[in-house]
Protein backbone atom coordinates (compact mmCIF):
# COMPACT_ATOMS: atom_id res chain seq x y z
CA UNK A 1 46.97 76.14 55.39
CA UNK A 2 48.47 77.37 58.86
CA UNK A 3 51.31 79.91 58.47
CA UNK A 4 53.51 78.74 61.07
CA UNK A 5 56.90 77.45 59.57
CA UNK A 6 56.15 73.60 61.13
CA UNK A 7 53.62 73.35 58.46
CA UNK A 8 55.15 74.57 55.48
CA UNK A 9 59.02 74.00 55.62
CA UNK A 10 59.83 71.44 58.60
CA UNK A 11 60.03 67.69 58.77
CA UNK A 12 60.77 65.99 61.88
CA UNK A 13 62.53 63.14 62.69
CA UNK A 14 59.17 60.92 63.19
CA UNK A 15 58.93 61.26 59.07
CA UNK A 16 62.24 60.17 58.79
CA UNK A 17 61.66 57.26 60.78
CA UNK A 18 58.55 56.49 58.91
CA UNK A 19 60.17 56.52 55.58
CA UNK A 20 63.09 54.11 57.21
CA UNK A 21 60.07 51.82 57.81
CA UNK A 22 58.27 51.90 54.00
CA UNK A 23 61.98 51.16 52.80
CA UNK A 24 62.69 48.25 55.22
CA UNK A 25 59.06 47.51 54.07
CA UNK A 26 59.46 47.32 50.22
CA UNK A 27 62.53 45.08 50.28
CA UNK A 28 60.72 42.74 52.65
CA UNK A 29 57.99 42.63 50.34
CA UNK A 30 59.93 42.71 47.03
CA UNK A 31 62.01 39.68 48.53
CA UNK A 32 58.59 38.21 49.48
CA UNK A 33 57.61 38.31 45.36
CA UNK A 34 60.80 36.66 44.13
CA UNK A 35 63.18 39.26 43.80
CA UNK A 36 66.87 38.60 43.70
CA UNK A 37 67.75 42.06 44.98
CA UNK A 38 66.39 44.97 45.49
CA UNK A 39 66.90 48.82 46.26
CA UNK A 40 64.33 51.50 47.28
CA UNK A 41 64.45 55.33 47.50
CA UNK A 42 61.96 56.90 49.77
CA UNK A 43 61.40 60.96 49.33
CA UNK A 44 59.31 63.85 51.15
CA UNK A 45 59.82 67.35 50.71
CA UNK A 46 57.66 70.26 51.48
CA UNK A 47 57.89 73.90 52.10
CA UNK A 48 56.46 76.98 50.47
CA UNK A 49 57.28 80.15 47.93
CA UNK A 50 56.20 83.64 47.81
CA UNK A 51 55.90 85.54 44.52
CA UNK A 52 55.46 89.17 44.55
CA UNK A 53 55.20 91.49 41.44
CA UNK A 54 54.55 95.23 41.02
CA UNK A 55 53.84 95.83 44.65
CA UNK A 56 51.44 93.20 45.28
CA UNK A 57 51.16 89.37 45.98
CA UNK A 58 50.86 87.18 42.91
CA UNK A 59 50.86 83.54 44.79
CA UNK A 60 51.37 81.87 47.83
CA UNK A 61 51.91 78.07 47.51
CA UNK A 62 52.47 75.13 49.57
CA UNK A 63 53.88 72.01 47.97
CA UNK A 64 54.35 68.72 49.63
CA UNK A 65 55.78 65.91 47.52
CA UNK A 66 56.53 62.29 48.38
CA UNK A 67 58.01 59.32 46.40
CA UNK A 68 58.95 55.58 46.42
CA UNK A 69 61.27 54.35 43.88
CA UNK A 70 61.90 50.63 43.50
CA UNK A 71 64.40 48.56 41.40
CA UNK A 72 64.27 45.04 41.30
CA UNK A 73 66.73 42.68 39.78
CA UNK A 74 65.98 38.91 38.78
CA UNK A 75 69.36 37.70 38.15
CA UNK A 76 70.87 40.53 35.95
CA UNK A 77 67.44 41.69 34.67
CA UNK A 78 66.43 45.20 36.19
CA UNK A 79 63.10 46.71 36.55
CA UNK A 80 62.16 49.64 37.72
CA UNK A 81 58.94 51.40 39.18
CA UNK A 82 57.80 54.49 41.34
CA UNK A 83 54.88 55.68 43.16
CA UNK A 84 53.89 59.03 44.55
CA UNK A 85 51.72 56.76 46.87
CA UNK A 86 53.42 54.98 50.01
CA UNK A 87 50.14 53.14 50.71
CA UNK A 88 50.97 49.64 51.09
CA UNK A 89 48.52 48.54 48.47
CA UNK A 90 49.66 50.72 46.25
CA UNK A 91 53.56 49.67 46.87
CA UNK A 92 52.79 45.90 46.27
CA UNK A 93 51.42 46.99 42.86
CA UNK A 94 54.72 49.37 42.11
CA UNK A 95 56.90 46.29 43.19
CA UNK A 96 54.59 43.80 40.70
CA UNK A 97 55.38 46.61 38.14
CA UNK A 98 58.88 46.25 38.53
CA UNK A 99 59.13 42.88 38.72
CA UNK A 100 57.19 42.46 35.35
CA UNK A 101 59.24 45.10 34.06
CA UNK A 102 62.64 42.98 35.20
CA UNK A 103 61.00 39.71 33.29
CA UNK A 104 61.43 41.38 30.09
CA UNK A 105 64.35 43.26 30.31
CA UNK A 106 67.91 42.21 28.29
CA UNK A 107 70.44 40.97 30.81
CA UNK A 108 73.06 42.95 31.56
CA UNK A 109 76.12 41.97 32.96
CA UNK A 110 76.90 45.28 34.84
CA UNK A 111 73.82 45.40 36.55
CA UNK A 112 73.21 44.66 40.12
CA UNK A 113 73.74 46.51 43.49
CA UNK A 114 76.99 47.23 45.26
CA UNK A 115 78.12 44.18 47.51
CA UNK A 116 78.02 44.96 51.40
CA UNK A 117 81.37 45.20 51.41
CA UNK A 118 81.51 48.67 49.35
CA UNK A 119 79.00 50.17 51.19
CA UNK A 120 78.88 53.40 53.22
CA UNK A 121 79.26 51.99 57.16
CA UNK A 122 79.01 55.39 58.54
CA UNK A 123 76.86 58.51 57.74
CA UNK A 124 78.15 61.47 59.10
CA UNK A 125 75.71 63.98 60.22
CA UNK A 126 76.58 66.89 57.49
CA UNK A 127 74.50 69.89 59.42
CA UNK A 128 72.34 70.18 56.21
CA UNK A 129 68.86 70.58 58.26
CA UNK A 130 67.81 74.07 58.86
CA UNK A 131 64.13 74.97 58.93
CA UNK A 132 63.93 78.78 58.64
CA UNK A 133 61.74 80.28 61.29
CA UNK A 134 59.58 83.05 59.12
CA UNK A 135 56.05 82.27 58.58
CA UNK A 136 54.29 83.03 54.99
CA UNK A 137 53.00 86.74 56.05
CA UNK A 138 56.69 87.69 56.93
CA UNK A 139 57.95 86.14 53.86
CA UNK A 140 55.34 88.29 51.82
CA UNK A 141 56.91 91.41 53.35
CA UNK A 142 60.07 90.59 52.50
CA UNK A 143 59.40 90.21 48.60
CA UNK A 144 57.56 93.08 48.85
CA UNK A 145 60.82 94.96 50.44
CA UNK A 146 62.89 93.34 48.04
CA UNK A 147 60.68 94.07 45.26
CA UNK A 148 60.47 97.69 45.97
CA UNK A 149 64.28 98.24 46.35
CA UNK A 150 65.05 96.83 42.97
CA UNK A 151 62.52 99.14 41.74
CA UNK A 152 63.88 102.39 43.38
CA UNK A 153 65.01 104.12 39.73
CA UNK A 154 63.03 105.73 37.30
CA UNK A 155 64.86 103.75 34.80
CA UNK A 156 63.17 100.15 35.88
CA UNK A 157 59.80 99.96 34.07
CA UNK A 158 59.10 96.83 34.97
CA UNK A 159 59.34 93.74 37.23
CA UNK A 160 59.37 89.99 36.59
CA UNK A 161 58.81 90.01 40.38
CA UNK A 162 60.67 88.93 43.73
CA UNK A 163 60.07 85.46 45.59
CA UNK A 164 60.72 84.14 48.87
CA UNK A 165 61.12 80.21 48.84
CA UNK A 166 61.75 77.56 51.80
CA UNK A 167 61.65 74.13 51.67
CA UNK A 168 62.71 70.81 53.70
CA UNK A 169 63.11 67.53 52.26
CA UNK A 170 64.38 63.82 53.55
CA UNK A 171 65.92 61.09 51.74
CA UNK A 172 66.02 57.32 52.73
CA UNK A 173 68.03 54.72 50.61
CA UNK A 174 68.20 51.18 51.32
CA UNK A 175 69.41 47.79 49.30
CA UNK A 176 68.85 44.42 50.11
CA UNK A 177 72.55 44.02 50.65
CA UNK A 178 72.25 45.39 53.83
CA UNK A 179 71.90 49.45 53.50
CA UNK A 180 69.46 51.35 55.01
CA UNK A 181 69.89 55.11 55.69
CA UNK A 182 68.44 58.37 55.44
CA UNK A 183 68.96 62.12 56.05
CA UNK A 184 66.75 65.55 56.36
CA UNK A 185 67.83 68.60 54.55
CA UNK A 186 66.99 72.20 53.76
CA UNK A 187 67.14 74.71 51.18
CA UNK A 188 65.91 78.27 51.11
CA UNK A 189 66.39 81.43 48.88
CA UNK A 190 65.56 84.91 47.81
CA UNK A 191 65.17 86.05 43.93
CA UNK A 192 64.67 89.20 42.58
CA UNK A 193 64.40 90.26 38.55
CA UNK A 194 63.11 93.75 37.32
CA UNK A 195 63.58 95.49 33.68
CA UNK A 196 65.00 98.88 32.91
CA UNK A 197 64.52 101.24 29.88
CA UNK A 198 66.34 103.92 28.12
CA UNK A 199 66.78 105.50 24.39
CA UNK A 200 68.40 101.98 23.49
CA UNK A 201 66.03 99.67 24.55
CA UNK A 202 65.19 97.40 27.39
CA UNK A 203 67.50 94.93 29.37
CA UNK A 204 66.80 92.46 31.91
CA UNK A 205 68.53 90.93 34.92
CA UNK A 206 68.11 89.32 38.28
CA UNK A 207 70.18 88.29 41.45
CA UNK A 208 69.30 85.76 43.91
CA UNK A 209 70.71 83.81 46.84
CA UNK A 210 70.13 80.38 48.41
CA UNK A 211 71.45 77.87 51.04
CA UNK A 212 70.77 75.51 53.60
CA UNK A 213 70.59 78.19 56.27
CA UNK A 214 68.04 80.92 55.62
CA UNK A 215 69.60 83.44 57.99
CA UNK A 216 72.95 83.16 56.33
CA UNK A 217 71.38 84.47 53.01
CA UNK A 218 71.90 87.71 51.64
CA UNK A 219 69.09 89.87 52.98
CA UNK A 220 65.90 91.16 51.02
CA UNK A 221 67.55 94.60 50.60
CA UNK A 222 71.03 93.66 49.19
CA UNK A 223 69.46 91.23 46.68
CA UNK A 224 66.71 93.81 45.51
CA UNK A 225 69.84 96.54 45.22
CA UNK A 226 71.82 93.72 43.31
CA UNK A 227 69.21 93.03 41.01
CA UNK A 228 68.62 97.05 40.47
CA UNK A 229 72.17 97.33 39.97
CA UNK A 230 72.80 94.62 37.60
CA UNK A 231 69.81 95.77 35.32
CA UNK A 232 70.75 99.49 35.46
CA UNK A 233 74.55 98.26 34.37
CA UNK A 234 72.91 96.19 31.15
CA UNK A 235 71.52 99.90 29.62
CA UNK A 236 73.09 101.12 26.32
CA UNK A 237 74.33 97.43 25.57
CA UNK A 238 76.21 97.38 21.98
CA UNK A 239 77.36 94.98 19.82
CA UNK A 240 81.13 94.43 20.02
CA UNK A 241 83.39 93.62 16.62
CA UNK A 242 84.50 90.33 15.15
CA UNK A 243 87.55 89.33 16.42
CA UNK A 244 89.82 87.44 19.20
CA UNK A 245 89.95 88.82 22.54
CA UNK A 246 90.55 87.47 26.17
CA UNK A 247 87.44 86.64 28.31
CA UNK A 248 86.57 86.15 31.99
CA UNK A 249 83.53 83.93 32.75
CA UNK A 250 82.16 85.67 35.54
CA UNK A 251 81.57 83.33 38.57
CA UNK A 252 77.84 82.19 37.64
CA UNK A 253 79.01 81.38 33.90
CA UNK A 254 82.50 79.92 35.12
CA UNK A 255 81.01 77.12 37.50
CA UNK A 256 79.00 76.44 34.15
CA UNK A 257 82.25 76.05 32.20
CA UNK A 258 83.43 73.36 34.65
CA UNK A 259 80.45 71.61 34.45
CA UNK A 260 81.07 70.59 31.04
CA UNK A 261 84.47 69.57 32.09
CA UNK A 262 82.43 67.08 34.87
CA UNK A 263 80.34 66.15 32.29
CA UNK A 264 83.35 64.87 29.92
CA UNK A 265 84.90 62.88 32.68
CA UNK A 266 81.87 61.25 33.80
CA UNK A 267 81.22 57.74 33.50
CA UNK A 268 78.00 57.81 30.90
CA UNK A 269 79.95 60.16 28.59
CA UNK A 270 82.93 57.72 28.71
CA UNK A 271 81.39 54.18 28.45
CA UNK A 272 79.32 55.50 25.66
CA UNK A 273 82.56 56.66 23.90
CA UNK A 274 81.18 60.34 23.54
CA UNK A 275 83.92 62.50 25.68
CA UNK A 276 86.75 64.41 23.76
CA UNK A 277 88.36 63.59 27.11
CA UNK A 278 88.36 59.68 26.13
CA UNK A 279 91.26 57.63 27.61
CA UNK A 280 92.65 61.01 29.23
CA UNK A 281 93.86 59.77 32.56
CA UNK A 282 97.54 61.48 33.03
CA UNK A 283 97.08 63.95 30.74
CA UNK A 284 96.72 67.83 31.13
CA UNK A 285 93.25 69.12 31.10
CA UNK A 286 93.98 72.47 33.10
CA UNK A 287 96.80 74.30 33.49
CA UNK A 288 99.97 73.38 35.88
CA UNK A 289 99.08 74.54 39.33
CA UNK A 290 95.53 74.06 39.15
CA UNK A 291 93.16 71.41 41.14
CA UNK A 292 89.52 70.13 40.62
CA UNK A 293 88.53 68.91 43.88
CA UNK A 294 85.53 67.62 45.62
CA UNK A 295 84.27 68.31 49.29
CA UNK A 296 81.06 66.15 49.69
CA UNK A 297 80.83 66.43 53.64
CA UNK A 298 81.30 70.26 53.86
CA UNK A 299 79.01 71.12 56.74
CA UNK A 300 75.94 72.47 55.48
CA UNK A 301 77.23 72.65 51.60
CA UNK A 302 74.53 73.01 49.20
CA UNK A 303 75.32 69.98 47.28
CA UNK A 304 76.79 68.01 50.76
CA UNK A 305 75.62 64.41 50.93
CA UNK A 306 77.01 61.44 53.47
CA UNK A 307 76.39 58.79 50.91
CA UNK A 308 75.72 58.41 46.67
CA UNK A 309 73.20 57.00 44.65
CA UNK A 310 74.20 54.04 45.06
CA UNK A 311 74.74 53.95 49.01
CA UNK A 312 78.75 54.42 48.41
CA UNK A 313 80.27 56.36 50.85
CA UNK A 314 81.53 59.87 49.49
CA UNK A 315 84.68 61.36 50.26
CA UNK A 316 86.78 64.51 49.66
CA UNK A 317 89.05 63.66 46.39
CA UNK A 318 90.69 65.24 43.71
CA UNK A 319 89.80 64.56 40.29
CA UNK A 320 92.75 66.71 38.61
CA UNK A 321 95.86 67.74 40.40
CA UNK A 322 98.45 70.26 38.97
CA UNK A 323 96.57 70.22 35.96
CA UNK A 324 96.30 66.98 35.11
CA UNK A 325 93.59 64.65 35.47
CA UNK A 326 94.05 61.97 38.03
CA UNK A 327 90.60 59.98 37.91
CA UNK A 328 87.04 60.46 36.32
CA UNK A 329 83.66 60.91 38.12
CA UNK A 330 82.28 57.17 38.36
CA UNK A 331 79.13 55.82 39.94
CA UNK A 332 78.61 51.95 40.28
CA UNK A 333 77.49 51.33 37.35
CA UNK A 334 79.71 52.95 34.93
CA UNK A 335 82.72 52.26 37.05
CA UNK A 336 81.66 48.31 35.92
CA UNK A 337 81.37 49.12 32.58
CA UNK A 338 84.65 51.04 32.41
CA UNK A 339 86.37 48.27 34.47
CA UNK A 340 87.31 50.75 37.13
CA UNK A 341 86.66 51.55 40.90
CA UNK A 342 83.46 53.74 41.82
CA UNK A 343 84.39 56.99 43.24
CA UNK A 344 81.48 57.47 44.92
CA UNK A 345 79.63 59.78 42.60
CA UNK A 346 76.56 57.71 41.76
CA UNK A 347 73.87 60.99 41.15
CA UNK A 348 77.26 63.45 40.41
CA UNK A 349 79.67 65.50 42.16
CA UNK A 350 79.30 67.39 45.51
CA UNK A 351 80.73 70.72 46.44
CA UNK A 352 83.27 70.85 43.43
CA UNK A 353 85.67 73.70 43.27
CA UNK A 354 89.02 74.89 41.67
CA UNK A 355 91.66 76.25 42.61
CA UNK A 356 91.82 80.12 43.09
CA UNK A 357 94.87 81.96 42.16
CA UNK A 358 94.38 84.44 44.93
CA UNK A 359 93.39 87.69 42.36
CA UNK A 360 90.00 89.68 42.58
CA UNK A 361 88.08 90.35 39.55
CA UNK A 362 89.50 93.66 39.61
CA UNK A 363 93.13 92.08 39.22
CA UNK A 364 92.47 89.51 36.76
CA UNK A 365 90.56 92.63 34.49
CA UNK A 366 94.12 94.44 34.85
CA UNK A 367 96.39 91.69 33.59
CA UNK A 368 95.10 92.21 30.25
CA UNK A 369 95.19 95.75 28.03
CA UNK A 370 91.56 95.00 26.87
CA UNK A 371 88.83 91.78 27.13
CA UNK A 372 85.05 90.97 27.56
CA UNK A 373 83.65 90.27 31.06
CA UNK A 374 80.86 87.14 30.22
CA UNK A 375 78.18 87.32 32.42
CA UNK A 376 75.66 85.57 30.74
CA UNK A 377 75.83 82.48 28.12
CA UNK A 378 72.57 80.96 26.20
CA UNK A 379 72.05 78.39 23.73
CA UNK A 380 72.88 74.38 23.92
CA UNK A 381 76.47 74.91 21.40
CA UNK A 382 78.43 72.73 23.49
CA UNK A 383 79.28 69.56 21.87
CA UNK A 384 80.64 67.05 24.37
CA UNK A 385 81.89 64.69 21.70
CA UNK A 386 84.28 67.16 19.97
CA UNK A 387 84.97 69.67 22.46
CA UNK A 388 83.47 72.20 20.03
CA UNK A 389 82.23 75.46 21.91
CA UNK A 390 79.83 78.37 20.44
CA UNK A 391 77.28 80.07 22.69
CA UNK A 392 75.24 83.43 22.60
CA UNK A 393 76.86 85.82 25.14
CA UNK A 394 76.57 89.38 26.97
CA UNK A 395 78.66 90.81 29.22
CA UNK A 396 80.92 94.02 29.61
CA UNK A 397 84.06 95.21 27.90
CA UNK A 398 87.11 96.69 29.64
CA UNK A 399 90.15 98.14 29.02
CA UNK A 400 93.06 98.64 31.24
CA UNK A 401 90.96 96.83 34.27
CA UNK A 402 87.78 99.28 33.63
CA UNK A 403 84.76 98.45 32.99
CA UNK A 404 83.81 100.36 29.72
CA UNK A 405 80.44 99.37 28.44
CA UNK A 406 77.55 96.61 28.21
CA UNK A 407 77.57 94.37 25.47
CA UNK A 408 75.33 92.09 23.95
CA UNK A 409 74.16 89.89 21.11
CA UNK A 410 77.60 88.38 20.10
CA UNK A 411 78.85 84.90 19.99
CA UNK A 412 81.79 83.21 21.72
CA UNK A 413 83.45 80.51 20.29
CA UNK A 414 86.38 77.84 20.89
CA UNK A 415 87.45 74.41 21.86
CA UNK A 416 86.54 73.25 25.61
CA UNK A 417 90.29 71.66 25.89
CA UNK A 418 91.89 74.59 24.98
CA UNK A 419 89.62 76.82 26.92
CA UNK A 420 90.19 74.91 30.14
CA UNK A 421 94.15 74.50 29.71
CA UNK A 422 93.99 78.07 28.62
CA UNK A 423 92.97 79.53 32.12
CA UNK A 424 94.88 82.10 33.28
CA UNK A 425 93.93 83.14 36.49
CA UNK A 426 90.85 82.00 38.73
CA UNK A 427 89.43 84.77 41.17
CA UNK A 428 88.45 85.02 44.74
CA UNK A 429 84.96 85.95 44.22
CA UNK A 430 83.60 82.68 44.31
CA UNK A 431 79.98 81.90 43.86
CA UNK A 432 78.82 78.76 46.52
CA UNK A 433 75.42 78.59 45.39
CA UNK A 434 75.33 75.85 43.58
CA UNK A 435 77.41 72.23 43.69
CA UNK A 436 80.24 73.80 41.12
CA UNK A 437 82.04 76.43 43.37
CA UNK A 438 84.24 78.82 41.23
CA UNK A 439 85.26 82.72 41.33
CA UNK A 440 86.09 84.49 37.77
CA UNK A 441 88.15 82.57 35.00
CA UNK A 442 90.40 84.49 33.00
CA UNK A 443 90.86 82.52 29.52
CA UNK A 444 92.95 82.89 26.89
CA UNK A 445 91.64 84.77 23.76
CA UNK A 446 88.61 83.55 22.12
CA UNK A 447 86.94 84.00 18.83
CA UNK A 448 84.29 86.73 19.35
CA UNK A 449 81.33 87.40 16.46
CA UNK A 450 79.29 90.32 16.42
CA UNK A 451 79.12 93.05 14.12
């Protein structure tokens, strides 16, 4: 493998055009084999990952993956098949497999392609493709430097390593209703995780940054320093007393809480009647003044996309306005099941954000005399049917706006609906690394189960 960026994390326009040709050929072949309609996804990704640990290189990996997935319709019977080989003979077999499946599936009156009138007519350039001009040797040097900085304290006794990752991908989506478009994107990251120890035991933590543009990431030095600081801060952690206290969800945890809200207002949960927010359009789900807004056309956004998984146009929109739920998160199929218009969210939400109240984390902590800052949650204790929430957690306790010590091995519990409507403040320390952007969230008191 060459170390040049061109062979590691770059896909050229010719490869995109080739993928478009493959998609067009699949549609023609599906028609020739008697399909009433078809859709096809063609994907290609490649990149590299460098991992170091304890000052030595552990792995240098190069990946290159391709895939073609085909969905065929015979009336309202649907069959799906996929292949990792885009050879024409293999694709013929894949199409035949999808056709065979369609013959034996039950009719579904909601199944079918989006009509031409609903498909995206324009595909904007969202500035998603930014190859990183870093070869593998430079990535190794950076990862080693990152880990060295993270281990620069005698209390750091072990390392889970540092890694540099760089990848490029392309996607082409086409349907027999006349849609055929594709685009390229990149994603890069730096990650570091270390272990610290004192008389009270060992603690582990990490830090990372990720995004479309490698040059905009936090530096290797910054990632190493942050990983070290976060790990050392956990030393001496105690178990809190059982009771009820206000809690602040740190940004990386707050985005998960909002993700539960998104799941509860998404079409799949709703048409299956498995959401505690069933039939909630027009009701309050957040405090007055709060909005939940999607911006899928954010330039170079981590989750930006010009069209959704059904070929429908994506657009800026609000699901919650002034605390009130205005619309659900719907793809084409879910919209049909619910007899509602789709919202261009086939495949989920993209660049979702919540209103911030203009306060820093310190300002949020100063608003309550005593509380707990939650920096990590674990376990699967979220029931979207009932809204019950109970998860293991760790973090820090604070008084009068000042961190007093680390906490571990406790449980937080409440009801998602009450937690979301009980948000008291949303911080300016917004984490943009995922598809849901949020700052710290101050919540009303929750039940704390400790010692």
